[in-house]
Full PDB file with SEQRES, HELIX, SHEET, SSBOND, CRYST1, ORIGX, SCALE, CONECT and MASTER records, all heavy atoms in Angstrom:
SEQRES   1 A   38  THR ASP ASN GLY TRP PRO ARG PRO ASN THR ARG LYS ALA          
SEQRES   2 A   38  PHE ASP SER ARG VAL LEU ASP GLY ILE LYS THR THR GLY          
SEQRES   3 A   38  THR HIS LEU VAL PRO LYS GLY ASP ASN VAL TRP ALA              
HELIX    1 AA1 PRO A    8  ALA A   13  1                                   6    
HELIX    2 AA2 SER A   16  THR A   25  1                                  10    
CRYST1    1.000    1.000    1.000  90.00  90.00  90.00 P 1           1          
ORIGX1      1.000000  0.000000  0.000000        0.00000                         
ORIGX2      0.000000  1.000000  0.000000        0.00000                         
ORIGX3      0.000000  0.000000  1.000000        0.00000                         
SCALE1      1.000000  0.000000  0.000000        0.00000                         
SCALE2      0.000000  1.000000  0.000000        0.00000                         
SCALE3      0.000000  0.000000  1.000000        0.00000                         
ATOM      1  N   THR A   1     151.340  54.632 130.838  1.00  0.00           N  
ATOM      2  CA  THR A   1     152.094  55.386 131.857  1.00  0.00           C  
ATOM      3  C   THR A   1     153.596  55.156 131.749  1.00  0.00           C  
ATOM      4  O   THR A   1     154.362  55.646 132.588  1.00  0.00           O  
ATOM      5  CB  THR A   1     151.631  54.971 133.266  1.00  0.00           C  
ATOM      6  OG1 THR A   1     151.804  53.550 133.414  1.00  0.00           O  
ATOM      7  CG2 THR A   1     150.171  55.319 133.484  1.00  0.00           C  
ATOM      8  N   ASP A   2     154.046  54.441 130.723  1.00  0.00           N  
ATOM      9  CA  ASP A   2     155.442  54.013 130.626  1.00  0.00           C  
ATOM     10  C   ASP A   2     156.427  55.168 130.479  1.00  0.00           C  
ATOM     11  O   ASP A   2     157.611  55.020 130.787  1.00  0.00           O  
ATOM     12  CB  ASP A   2     155.605  53.050 129.440  1.00  0.00           C  
ATOM     13  CG  ASP A   2     156.811  52.139 129.581  1.00  0.00           C  
ATOM     14  OD1 ASP A   2     157.089  51.716 130.712  1.00  0.00           O  
ATOM     15  OD2 ASP A   2     157.474  51.863 128.566  1.00  0.00           O  
ATOM     16  N   ASN A   3     155.951  56.314 129.990  1.00  0.00           N  
ATOM     17  CA  ASN A   3     156.857  57.451 129.745  1.00  0.00           C  
ATOM     18  C   ASN A   3     156.492  58.683 130.565  1.00  0.00           C  
ATOM     19  O   ASN A   3     156.627  59.820 130.111  1.00  0.00           O  
ATOM     20  CB  ASN A   3     156.863  57.788 128.253  1.00  0.00           C  
ATOM     21  CG  ASN A   3     157.534  56.714 127.428  1.00  0.00           C  
ATOM     22  OD1 ASN A   3     158.748  56.541 127.476  1.00  0.00           O  
ATOM     23  ND2 ASN A   3     156.737  55.967 126.671  1.00  0.00           N  
ATOM     24  N   GLY A   4     156.020  58.449 131.782  1.00  0.00           N  
ATOM     25  CA  GLY A   4     155.804  59.572 132.700  1.00  0.00           C  
ATOM     26  C   GLY A   4     154.440  60.214 132.676  1.00  0.00           C  
ATOM     27  O   GLY A   4     154.207  61.209 133.369  1.00  0.00           O  
ATOM     28  N   TRP A   5     153.522  59.690 131.878  1.00  0.00           N  
ATOM     29  CA  TRP A   5     152.147  60.188 131.876  1.00  0.00           C  
ATOM     30  C   TRP A   5     151.349  59.366 132.888  1.00  0.00           C  
ATOM     31  O   TRP A   5     151.540  58.151 132.984  1.00  0.00           O  
ATOM     32  CB  TRP A   5     151.539  60.036 130.474  1.00  0.00           C  
ATOM     33  CG  TRP A   5     150.152  60.619 130.359  1.00  0.00           C  
ATOM     34  CD1 TRP A   5     149.824  61.866 129.932  1.00  0.00           C  
ATOM     35  CD2 TRP A   5     148.916  59.971 130.701  1.00  0.00           C  
ATOM     36  NE1 TRP A   5     148.472  62.035 129.978  1.00  0.00           N  
ATOM     37  CE2 TRP A   5     147.882  60.893 130.464  1.00  0.00           C  
ATOM     38  CE3 TRP A   5     148.573  58.722 131.200  1.00  0.00           C  
ATOM     39  CZ2 TRP A   5     146.546  60.597 130.685  1.00  0.00           C  
ATOM     40  CZ3 TRP A   5     147.241  58.425 131.443  1.00  0.00           C  
ATOM     41  CH2 TRP A   5     146.241  59.354 131.178  1.00  0.00           C  
ATOM     42  N   PRO A   6     150.428  59.954 133.647  1.00  0.00           N  
ATOM     43  CA  PRO A   6     150.057  61.383 133.669  1.00  0.00           C  
ATOM     44  C   PRO A   6     151.035  62.215 134.493  1.00  0.00           C  
ATOM     45  O   PRO A   6     151.571  61.752 135.491  1.00  0.00           O  
ATOM     46  CB  PRO A   6     148.666  61.365 134.328  1.00  0.00           C  
ATOM     47  CG  PRO A   6     148.695  60.161 135.222  1.00  0.00           C  
ATOM     48  CD  PRO A   6     149.545  59.137 134.521  1.00  0.00           C  
ATOM     49  N   ARG A   7     151.247  63.440 134.033  1.00  0.00           N  
ATOM     50  CA  ARG A   7     152.115  64.382 134.732  1.00  0.00           C  
ATOM     51  C   ARG A   7     151.307  65.129 135.797  1.00  0.00           C  
ATOM     52  O   ARG A   7     150.076  65.064 135.788  1.00  0.00           O  
ATOM     53  CB  ARG A   7     152.705  65.362 133.709  1.00  0.00           C  
ATOM     54  CG  ARG A   7     153.611  64.691 132.669  1.00  0.00           C  
ATOM     55  CD  ARG A   7     153.863  65.586 131.475  1.00  0.00           C  
ATOM     56  NE  ARG A   7     152.682  65.712 130.638  1.00  0.00           N  
ATOM     57  CZ  ARG A   7     152.360  64.883 129.650  1.00  0.00           C  
ATOM     58  NH1 ARG A   7     153.131  63.844 129.379  1.00  0.00           N  
ATOM     59  NH2 ARG A   7     151.269  65.068 128.932  1.00  0.00           N  
ATOM     60  N   PRO A   8     151.978  65.843 136.708  1.00  0.00           N  
ATOM     61  CA  PRO A   8     151.237  66.595 137.734  1.00  0.00           C  
ATOM     62  C   PRO A   8     150.179  67.525 137.143  1.00  0.00           C  
ATOM     63  O   PRO A   8     149.056  67.610 137.658  1.00  0.00           O  
ATOM     64  CB  PRO A   8     152.340  67.379 138.451  1.00  0.00           C  
ATOM     65  CG  PRO A   8     153.544  66.501 138.330  1.00  0.00           C  
ATOM     66  CD  PRO A   8     153.438  65.889 136.965  1.00  0.00           C  
ATOM     67  N   ASN A   9     150.532  68.217 136.040  1.00  0.00           N  
ATOM     68  CA  ASN A   9     149.556  69.131 135.423  1.00  0.00           C  
ATOM     69  C   ASN A   9     148.413  68.370 134.747  1.00  0.00           C  
ATOM     70  O   ASN A   9     147.318  68.901 134.571  1.00  0.00           O  
ATOM     71  CB  ASN A   9     150.250  70.031 134.400  1.00  0.00           C  
ATOM     72  CG  ASN A   9     151.028  71.147 135.066  1.00  0.00           C  
ATOM     73  OD1 ASN A   9     150.854  71.409 136.253  1.00  0.00           O  
ATOM     74  ND2 ASN A   9     151.914  71.791 134.313  1.00  0.00           N  
ATOM     75  N   THR A  10     148.683  67.120 134.320  1.00  0.00           N  
ATOM     76  CA  THR A  10     147.626  66.301 133.728  1.00  0.00           C  
ATOM     77  C   THR A  10     146.526  66.064 134.749  1.00  0.00           C  
ATOM     78  O   THR A  10     145.332  66.118 134.434  1.00  0.00           O  
ATOM     79  CB  THR A  10     148.182  64.943 133.262  1.00  0.00           C  
ATOM     80  OG1 THR A  10     149.415  65.129 132.578  1.00  0.00           O  
ATOM     81  CG2 THR A  10     147.195  64.249 132.334  1.00  0.00           C  
ATOM     82  N   ARG A  11     146.932  65.792 135.972  1.00  0.00           N  
ATOM     83  CA  ARG A  11     145.964  65.502 137.039  1.00  0.00           C  
ATOM     84  C   ARG A  11     145.125  66.737 137.376  1.00  0.00           C  
ATOM     85  O   ARG A  11     143.993  66.614 137.848  1.00  0.00           O  
ATOM     86  CB  ARG A  11     146.706  65.001 138.282  1.00  0.00           C  
ATOM     87  CG  ARG A  11     147.503  63.730 138.018  1.00  0.00           C  
ATOM     88  CD  ARG A  11     148.215  63.248 139.281  1.00  0.00           C  
ATOM     89  NE  ARG A  11     149.156  62.181 138.993  1.00  0.00           N  
ATOM     90  CZ  ARG A  11     148.831  60.907 138.806  1.00  0.00           C  
ATOM     91  NH1 ARG A  11     147.557  60.540 138.903  1.00  0.00           N  
ATOM     92  NH2 ARG A  11     149.754  59.996 138.549  1.00  0.00           N  
ATOM     93  N   LYS A  12     145.693  67.923 137.132  1.00  0.00           N  
ATOM     94  CA  LYS A  12     144.929  69.159 137.358  1.00  0.00           C  
ATOM     95  C   LYS A  12     143.913  69.386 136.236  1.00  0.00           C  
ATOM     96  O   LYS A  12     142.840  69.941 136.462  1.00  0.00           O  
ATOM     97  CB  LYS A  12     145.876  70.353 137.436  1.00  0.00           C  
ATOM     98  CG  LYS A  12     146.846  70.332 138.611  1.00  0.00           C  
ATOM     99  CD  LYS A  12     147.779  71.536 138.550  1.00  0.00           C  
ATOM    100  CE  LYS A  12     148.820  71.508 139.663  1.00  0.00           C  
ATOM    101  NZ  LYS A  12     149.763  72.658 139.558  1.00  0.00           N  
ATOM    102  N   ALA A  13     144.293  68.958 135.030  1.00  0.00           N  
ATOM    103  CA  ALA A  13     143.462  69.263 133.858  1.00  0.00           C  
ATOM    104  C   ALA A  13     142.308  68.295 133.663  1.00  0.00           C  
ATOM    105  O   ALA A  13     141.257  68.664 133.125  1.00  0.00           O  
ATOM    106  CB  ALA A  13     144.335  69.283 132.600  1.00  0.00           C  
ATOM    107  N   PHE A  14     142.476  67.027 134.109  1.00  0.00           N  
ATOM    108  CA  PHE A  14     141.473  66.015 133.811  1.00  0.00           C  
ATOM    109  C   PHE A  14     140.997  65.304 135.068  1.00  0.00           C  
ATOM    110  O   PHE A  14     141.779  65.044 135.987  1.00  0.00           O  
ATOM    111  CB  PHE A  14     142.036  64.989 132.822  1.00  0.00           C  
ATOM    112  CG  PHE A  14     142.509  65.594 131.527  1.00  0.00           C  
ATOM    113  CD1 PHE A  14     143.856  65.605 131.199  1.00  0.00           C  
ATOM    114  CD2 PHE A  14     141.609  66.166 130.648  1.00  0.00           C  
ATOM    115  CE1 PHE A  14     144.296  66.176 130.021  1.00  0.00           C  
ATOM    116  CE2 PHE A  14     142.036  66.742 129.467  1.00  0.00           C  
ATOM    117  CZ  PHE A  14     143.387  66.751 129.151  1.00  0.00           C  
ATOM    118  N   ASP A  15     139.721  64.981 135.073  1.00  0.00           N  
ATOM    119  CA  ASP A  15     139.118  64.247 136.164  1.00  0.00           C  
ATOM    120  C   ASP A  15     139.777  62.872 136.306  1.00  0.00           C  
ATOM    121  O   ASP A  15     140.181  62.256 135.323  1.00  0.00           O  
ATOM    122  CB  ASP A  15     137.617  64.085 135.877  1.00  0.00           C  
ATOM    123  CG  ASP A  15     136.876  63.456 137.035  1.00  0.00           C  
ATOM    124  OD1 ASP A  15     136.869  62.215 137.116  1.00  0.00           O  
ATOM    125  OD2 ASP A  15     136.314  64.207 137.839  1.00  0.00           O  
ATOM    126  N   SER A  16     139.879  62.384 137.531  1.00  0.00           N  
ATOM    127  CA  SER A  16     140.530  61.094 137.782  1.00  0.00           C  
ATOM    128  C   SER A  16     139.835  59.954 137.041  1.00  0.00           C  
ATOM    129  O   SER A  16     140.473  58.987 136.625  1.00  0.00           O  
ATOM    130  CB  SER A  16     140.576  60.796 139.288  1.00  0.00           C  
ATOM    131  OG  SER A  16     139.264  60.735 139.826  1.00  0.00           O  
ATOM    132  N   ARG A  17     138.520  60.056 136.841  1.00  0.00           N  
ATOM    133  CA  ARG A  17     137.796  59.011 136.104  1.00  0.00           C  
ATOM    134  C   ARG A  17     138.238  58.966 134.644  1.00  0.00           C  
ATOM    135  O   ARG A  17     138.325  57.886 134.045  1.00  0.00           O  
ATOM    136  CB  ARG A  17     136.292  59.249 136.191  1.00  0.00           C  
ATOM    137  CG  ARG A  17     135.687  59.062 137.573  1.00  0.00           C  
ATOM    138  CD  ARG A  17     134.235  59.496 137.580  1.00  0.00           C  
ATOM    139  NE  ARG A  17     134.103  60.912 137.237  1.00  0.00           N  
ATOM    140  CZ  ARG A  17     132.944  61.529 137.033  1.00  0.00           C  
ATOM    141  NH1 ARG A  17     131.805  60.837 137.125  1.00  0.00           N  
ATOM    142  NH2 ARG A  17     132.897  62.806 136.734  1.00  0.00           N  
ATOM    143  N   VAL A  18     138.504  60.142 134.067  1.00  0.00           N  
ATOM    144  CA  VAL A  18     138.988  60.204 132.689  1.00  0.00           C  
ATOM    145  C   VAL A  18     140.376  59.566 132.601  1.00  0.00           C  
ATOM    146  O   VAL A  18     140.660  58.761 131.707  1.00  0.00           O  
ATOM    147  CB  VAL A  18     139.037  61.664 132.182  1.00  0.00           C  
ATOM    148  CG1 VAL A  18     139.686  61.731 130.800  1.00  0.00           C  
ATOM    149  CG2 VAL A  18     137.635  62.263 132.143  1.00  0.00           C  
ATOM    150  N   LEU A  19     141.246  59.909 133.558  1.00  0.00           N  
ATOM    151  CA  LEU A  19     142.600  59.360 133.565  1.00  0.00           C  
ATOM    152  C   LEU A  19     142.574  57.845 133.737  1.00  0.00           C  
ATOM    153  O   LEU A  19     143.321  57.128 133.066  1.00  0.00           O  
ATOM    154  CB  LEU A  19     143.423  60.004 134.681  1.00  0.00           C  
ATOM    155  CG  LEU A  19     143.619  61.529 134.594  1.00  0.00           C  
ATOM    156  CD1 LEU A  19     144.481  62.010 135.748  1.00  0.00           C  
ATOM    157  CD2 LEU A  19     144.248  61.911 133.265  1.00  0.00           C  
ATOM    158  N   ASP A  20     141.714  57.358 134.625  1.00  0.00           N  
ATOM    159  CA  ASP A  20     141.618  55.907 134.850  1.00  0.00           C  
ATOM    160  C   ASP A  20     141.136  55.193 133.588  1.00  0.00           C  
ATOM    161  O   ASP A  20     141.613  54.100 133.258  1.00  0.00           O  
ATOM    162  CB  ASP A  20     140.671  55.607 136.013  1.00  0.00           C  
ATOM    163  CG  ASP A  20     141.256  56.012 137.364  1.00  0.00           C  
ATOM    164  OD1 ASP A  20     142.491  56.207 137.445  1.00  0.00           O  
ATOM    165  OD2 ASP A  20     140.476  56.150 138.339  1.00  0.00           O  
ATOM    166  N   GLY A  21     140.206  55.821 132.881  1.00  0.00           N  
ATOM    167  CA  GLY A  21     139.700  55.228 131.640  1.00  0.00           C  
ATOM    168  C   GLY A  21     140.774  55.146 130.574  1.00  0.00           C  
ATOM    169  O   GLY A  21     140.869  54.155 129.835  1.00  0.00           O  
ATOM    170  N   ILE A  22     141.609  56.173 130.497  1.00  0.00           N  
ATOM    171  CA  ILE A  22     142.706  56.186 129.526  1.00  0.00           C  
ATOM    172  C   ILE A  22     143.725  55.104 129.861  1.00  0.00           C  
ATOM    173  O   ILE A  22     144.202  54.377 128.990  1.00  0.00           O  
ATOM    174  CB  ILE A  22     143.383  57.569 129.490  1.00  0.00           C  
ATOM    175  CG1 ILE A  22     142.402  58.627 128.964  1.00  0.00           C  
ATOM    176  CG2 ILE A  22     144.635  57.540 128.617  1.00  0.00           C  
ATOM    177  CD1 ILE A  22     142.891  60.054 129.117  1.00  0.00           C  
ATOM    178  N   LYS A  23     144.042  54.982 131.150  1.00  0.00           N  
ATOM    179  CA  LYS A  23     145.001  53.954 131.580  1.00  0.00           C  
ATOM    180  C   LYS A  23     144.494  52.559 131.230  1.00  0.00           C  
ATOM    181  O   LYS A  23     145.252  51.699 130.782  1.00  0.00           O  
ATOM    182  CB  LYS A  23     145.239  54.055 133.085  1.00  0.00           C  
ATOM    183  CG  LYS A  23     145.989  55.299 133.529  1.00  0.00           C  
ATOM    184  CD  LYS A  23     146.079  55.328 135.057  1.00  0.00           C  
ATOM    185  CE  LYS A  23     146.643  56.643 135.556  1.00  0.00           C  
ATOM    186  NZ  LYS A  23     146.652  56.709 137.039  1.00  0.00           N  
ATOM    187  N   THR A  24     143.215  52.342 131.449  1.00  0.00           N  
ATOM    188  CA  THR A  24     142.625  51.026 131.170  1.00  0.00           C  
ATOM    189  C   THR A  24     142.658  50.715 129.679  1.00  0.00           C  
ATOM    190  O   THR A  24     142.896  49.572 129.265  1.00  0.00           O  
ATOM    191  CB  THR A  24     141.166  50.984 131.675  1.00  0.00           C  
ATOM    192  OG1 THR A  24     141.149  51.240 133.073  1.00  0.00           O  
ATOM    193  CG2 THR A  24     140.533  49.632 131.395  1.00  0.00           C  
ATOM    194  N   THR A  25     142.461  51.722 128.848  1.00  0.00           N  
ATOM    195  CA  THR A  25     142.464  51.534 127.392  1.00  0.00           C  
ATOM    196  C   THR A  25     143.833  51.078 126.907  1.00  0.00           C  
ATOM    197  O   THR A  25     143.947  50.179 126.080  1.00  0.00           O  
ATOM    198  CB  THR A  25     142.070  52.846 126.690  1.00  0.00           C  
ATOM    199  OG1 THR A  25     140.756  53.230 127.123  1.00  0.00           O  
ATOM    200  CG2 THR A  25     142.080  52.675 125.188  1.00  0.00           C  
ATOM    201  N   GLY A  26     144.880  51.718 127.423  1.00  0.00           N  
ATOM    202  CA  GLY A  26     146.239  51.277 127.131  1.00  0.00           C  
ATOM    203  C   GLY A  26     146.725  51.563 125.725  1.00  0.00           C  
ATOM    204  O   GLY A  26     146.239  52.458 125.034  1.00  0.00           O  
ATOM    205  N   THR A  27     147.699  50.761 125.276  1.00  0.00           N  
ATOM    206  CA  THR A  27     148.359  50.952 123.981  1.00  0.00           C  
ATOM    207  C   THR A  27     148.169  49.715 123.098  1.00  0.00           C  
ATOM    208  O   THR A  27     147.680  48.689 123.542  1.00  0.00           O  
ATOM    209  CB  THR A  27     149.867  51.183 124.176  1.00  0.00           C  
ATOM    210  OG1 THR A  27     150.444  50.009 124.774  1.00  0.00           O  
ATOM    211  CG2 THR A  27     150.142  52.387 125.066  1.00  0.00           C  
ATOM    212  N   HIS A  28     148.578  49.852 121.858  1.00  0.00           N  
ATOM    213  CA  HIS A  28     148.657  48.696 120.965  1.00  0.00           C  
ATOM    214  C   HIS A  28     149.795  48.934 119.986  1.00  0.00           C  
ATOM    215  O   HIS A  28     150.391  50.016 119.958  1.00  0.00           O  
ATOM    216  CB  HIS A  28     147.319  48.447 120.255  1.00  0.00           C  
ATOM    217  CG  HIS A  28     146.864  49.564 119.373  1.00  0.00           C  
ATOM    218  ND1 HIS A  28     146.512  49.389 118.056  1.00  0.00           N  
ATOM    219  CD2 HIS A  28     146.692  50.899 119.600  1.00  0.00           C  
ATOM    220  CE1 HIS A  28     146.133  50.532 117.520  1.00  0.00           C  
ATOM    221  NE2 HIS A  28     146.232  51.465 118.447  1.00  0.00           N  
ATOM    222  N   LEU A  29     150.122  47.936 119.194  1.00  0.00           N  
ATOM    223  CA  LEU A  29     151.234  48.032 118.252  1.00  0.00           C  
ATOM    224  C   LEU A  29     150.708  48.053 116.831  1.00  0.00           C  
ATOM    225  O   LEU A  29     149.779  47.319 116.482  1.00  0.00           O  
ATOM    226  CB  LEU A  29     152.194  46.852 118.421  1.00  0.00           C  
ATOM    227  CG  LEU A  29     152.829  46.667 119.800  1.00  0.00           C  
ATOM    228  CD1 LEU A  29     153.694  45.407 119.812  1.00  0.00           C  
ATOM    229  CD2 LEU A  29     153.660  47.887 120.196  1.00  0.00           C  
ATOM    230  N   VAL A  30     151.327  48.897 115.980  1.00  0.00           N  
ATOM    231  CA  VAL A  30     150.932  48.979 114.571  1.00  0.00           C  
ATOM    232  C   VAL A  30     152.193  48.908 113.699  1.00  0.00           C  
ATOM    233  O   VAL A  30     153.282  49.290 114.129  1.00  0.00           O  
ATOM    234  CB  VAL A  30     150.152  50.283 114.277  1.00  0.00           C  
ATOM    235  CG1 VAL A  30     148.837  50.309 115.047  1.00  0.00           C  
ATOM    236  CG2 VAL A  30     150.975  51.522 114.607  1.00  0.00           C  
ATOM    237  N   PRO A  31     152.062  48.425 112.450  1.00  0.00           N  
ATOM    238  CA  PRO A  31     153.237  48.207 111.597  1.00  0.00           C  
ATOM    239  C   PRO A  31     153.718  49.462 110.871  1.00  0.00           C  
ATOM    240  O   PRO A  31     153.719  49.535 109.638  1.00  0.00           O  
ATOM    241  CB  PRO A  31     152.741  47.139 110.609  1.00  0.00           C  
ATOM    242  CG  PRO A  31     151.285  47.433 110.477  1.00  0.00           C  
ATOM    243  CD  PRO A  31     150.827  47.897 111.827  1.00  0.00           C  
ATOM    244  N   LYS A  32     154.182  50.421 111.627  1.00  0.00           N  
ATOM    245  CA  LYS A  32     154.653  51.678 111.029  1.00  0.00           C  
ATOM    246  C   LYS A  32     156.055  51.526 110.456  1.00  0.00           C  
ATOM    247  O   LYS A  32     156.404  52.148 109.461  1.00  0.00           O  
ATOM    248  CB  LYS A  32     154.615  52.795 112.073  1.00  0.00           C  
ATOM    249  CG  LYS A  32     154.813  54.189 111.492  1.00  0.00           C  
ATOM    250  CD  LYS A  32     154.577  55.254 112.551  1.00  0.00           C  
ATOM    251  CE  LYS A  32     154.716  56.656 111.970  1.00  0.00           C  
ATOM    252  NZ  LYS A  32     154.479  57.693 112.994  1.00  0.00           N  
ATOM    253  N   GLY A  33     156.888  50.715 111.100  1.00  0.00           N  
ATOM    254  CA  GLY A  33     158.215  50.433 110.576  1.00  0.00           C  
ATOM    255  C   GLY A  33     158.213  49.138 109.787  1.00  0.00           C  
ATOM    256  O   GLY A  33     157.257  48.360 109.846  1.00  0.00           O  
ATOM    257  N   ASP A  34     159.286  48.883 109.032  1.00  0.00           N  
ATOM    258  CA  ASP A  34     159.363  47.636 108.281  1.00  0.00           C  
ATOM    259  C   ASP A  34     159.756  46.469 109.177  1.00  0.00           C  
ATOM    260  O   ASP A  34     159.245  45.359 109.025  1.00  0.00           O  
ATOM    261  CB  ASP A  34     160.379  47.770 107.143  1.00  0.00           C  
ATOM    262  CG  ASP A  34     159.860  48.623 105.997  1.00  0.00           C  
ATOM    263  OD1 ASP A  34     158.622  48.762 105.873  1.00  0.00           O  
ATOM    264  OD2 ASP A  34     160.683  49.150 105.221  1.00  0.00           O  
ATOM    265  N   ASN A  35     160.683  46.721 110.123  1.00  0.00           N  
ATOM    266  CA  ASN A  35     161.164  45.638 110.982  1.00  0.00           C  
ATOM    267  C   ASN A  35     160.864  45.870 112.461  1.00  0.00           C  
ATOM    268  O   ASN A  35     161.198  45.033 113.297  1.00  0.00           O  
ATOM    269  CB  ASN A  35     162.662  45.419 110.782  1.00  0.00           C  
ATOM    270  CG  ASN A  35     163.500  46.622 111.201  1.00  0.00           C  
ATOM    271  OD1 ASN A  35     163.006  47.750 111.225  1.00  0.00           O  
ATOM    272  ND2 ASN A  35     164.752  46.376 111.525  1.00  0.00           N  
ATOM    273  N   VAL A  36     160.271  46.999 112.791  1.00  0.00           N  
ATOM    274  CA  VAL A  36     159.897  47.296 114.177  1.00  0.00           C  
ATOM    275  C   VAL A  36     158.461  47.810 114.213  1.00  0.00           C  
ATOM    276  O   VAL A  36     157.999  48.480 113.286  1.00  0.00           O  
ATOM    277  CB  VAL A  36     160.838  48.336 114.823  1.00  0.00           C  
ATOM    278  CG1 VAL A  36     162.201  47.733 115.109  1.00  0.00           C  
ATOM    279  CG2 VAL A  36     160.970  49.584 113.961  1.00  0.00           C  
ATOM    280  N   TRP A  37     157.761  47.461 115.288  1.00  0.00           N  
ATOM    281  CA  TRP A  37     156.373  47.883 115.480  1.00  0.00           C  
ATOM    282  C   TRP A  37     156.341  49.210 116.230  1.00  0.00           C  
ATOM    283  O   TRP A  37     157.138  49.437 117.151  1.00  0.00           O  
ATOM    284  CB  TRP A  37     155.614  46.837 116.288  1.00  0.00           C  
ATOM    285  CG  TRP A  37     155.471  45.527 115.594  1.00  0.00           C  
ATOM    286  CD1 TRP A  37     156.370  44.506 115.571  1.00  0.00           C  
ATOM    287  CD2 TRP A  37     154.357  45.112 114.796  1.00  0.00           C  
ATOM    288  NE1 TRP A  37     155.890  43.479 114.806  1.00  0.00           N  
ATOM    289  CE2 TRP A  37     154.658  43.806 114.324  1.00  0.00           C  
ATOM    290  CE3 TRP A  37     153.135  45.694 114.449  1.00  0.00           C  
ATOM    291  CZ2 TRP A  37     153.781  43.096 113.517  1.00  0.00           C  
ATOM    292  CZ3 TRP A  37     152.262  44.982 113.650  1.00  0.00           C  
ATOM    293  CH2 TRP A  37     152.582  43.704 113.189  1.00  0.00           C  
ATOM    294  N   ALA A  38     155.425  50.094 115.858  1.00  0.00           N  
ATOM    295  CA  ALA A  38     155.267  51.369 116.570  1.00  0.00           C  
ATOM    296  C   ALA A  38     154.294  51.183 117.721  1.00  0.00           C  
ATOM    297  O   ALA A  38     153.238  50.558 117.569  1.00  0.00           O  
ATOM    298  CB  ALA A  38     154.747  52.448 115.633  1.00  0.00           C  
TER     299      ALA A  38                                                      
MASTER        0    0    0    2    0    0    0    6  298    1    0    3          
END                                                                             
């Protein structure tokens, strides 16, 4: 949710249980850059 997701239209498109599941899953970091993680 760090960059404004879910948006108002997101809440219209997806069930709250789906949104809660996505929030719980969260993010992770991968070595896409040489000196910074994506």
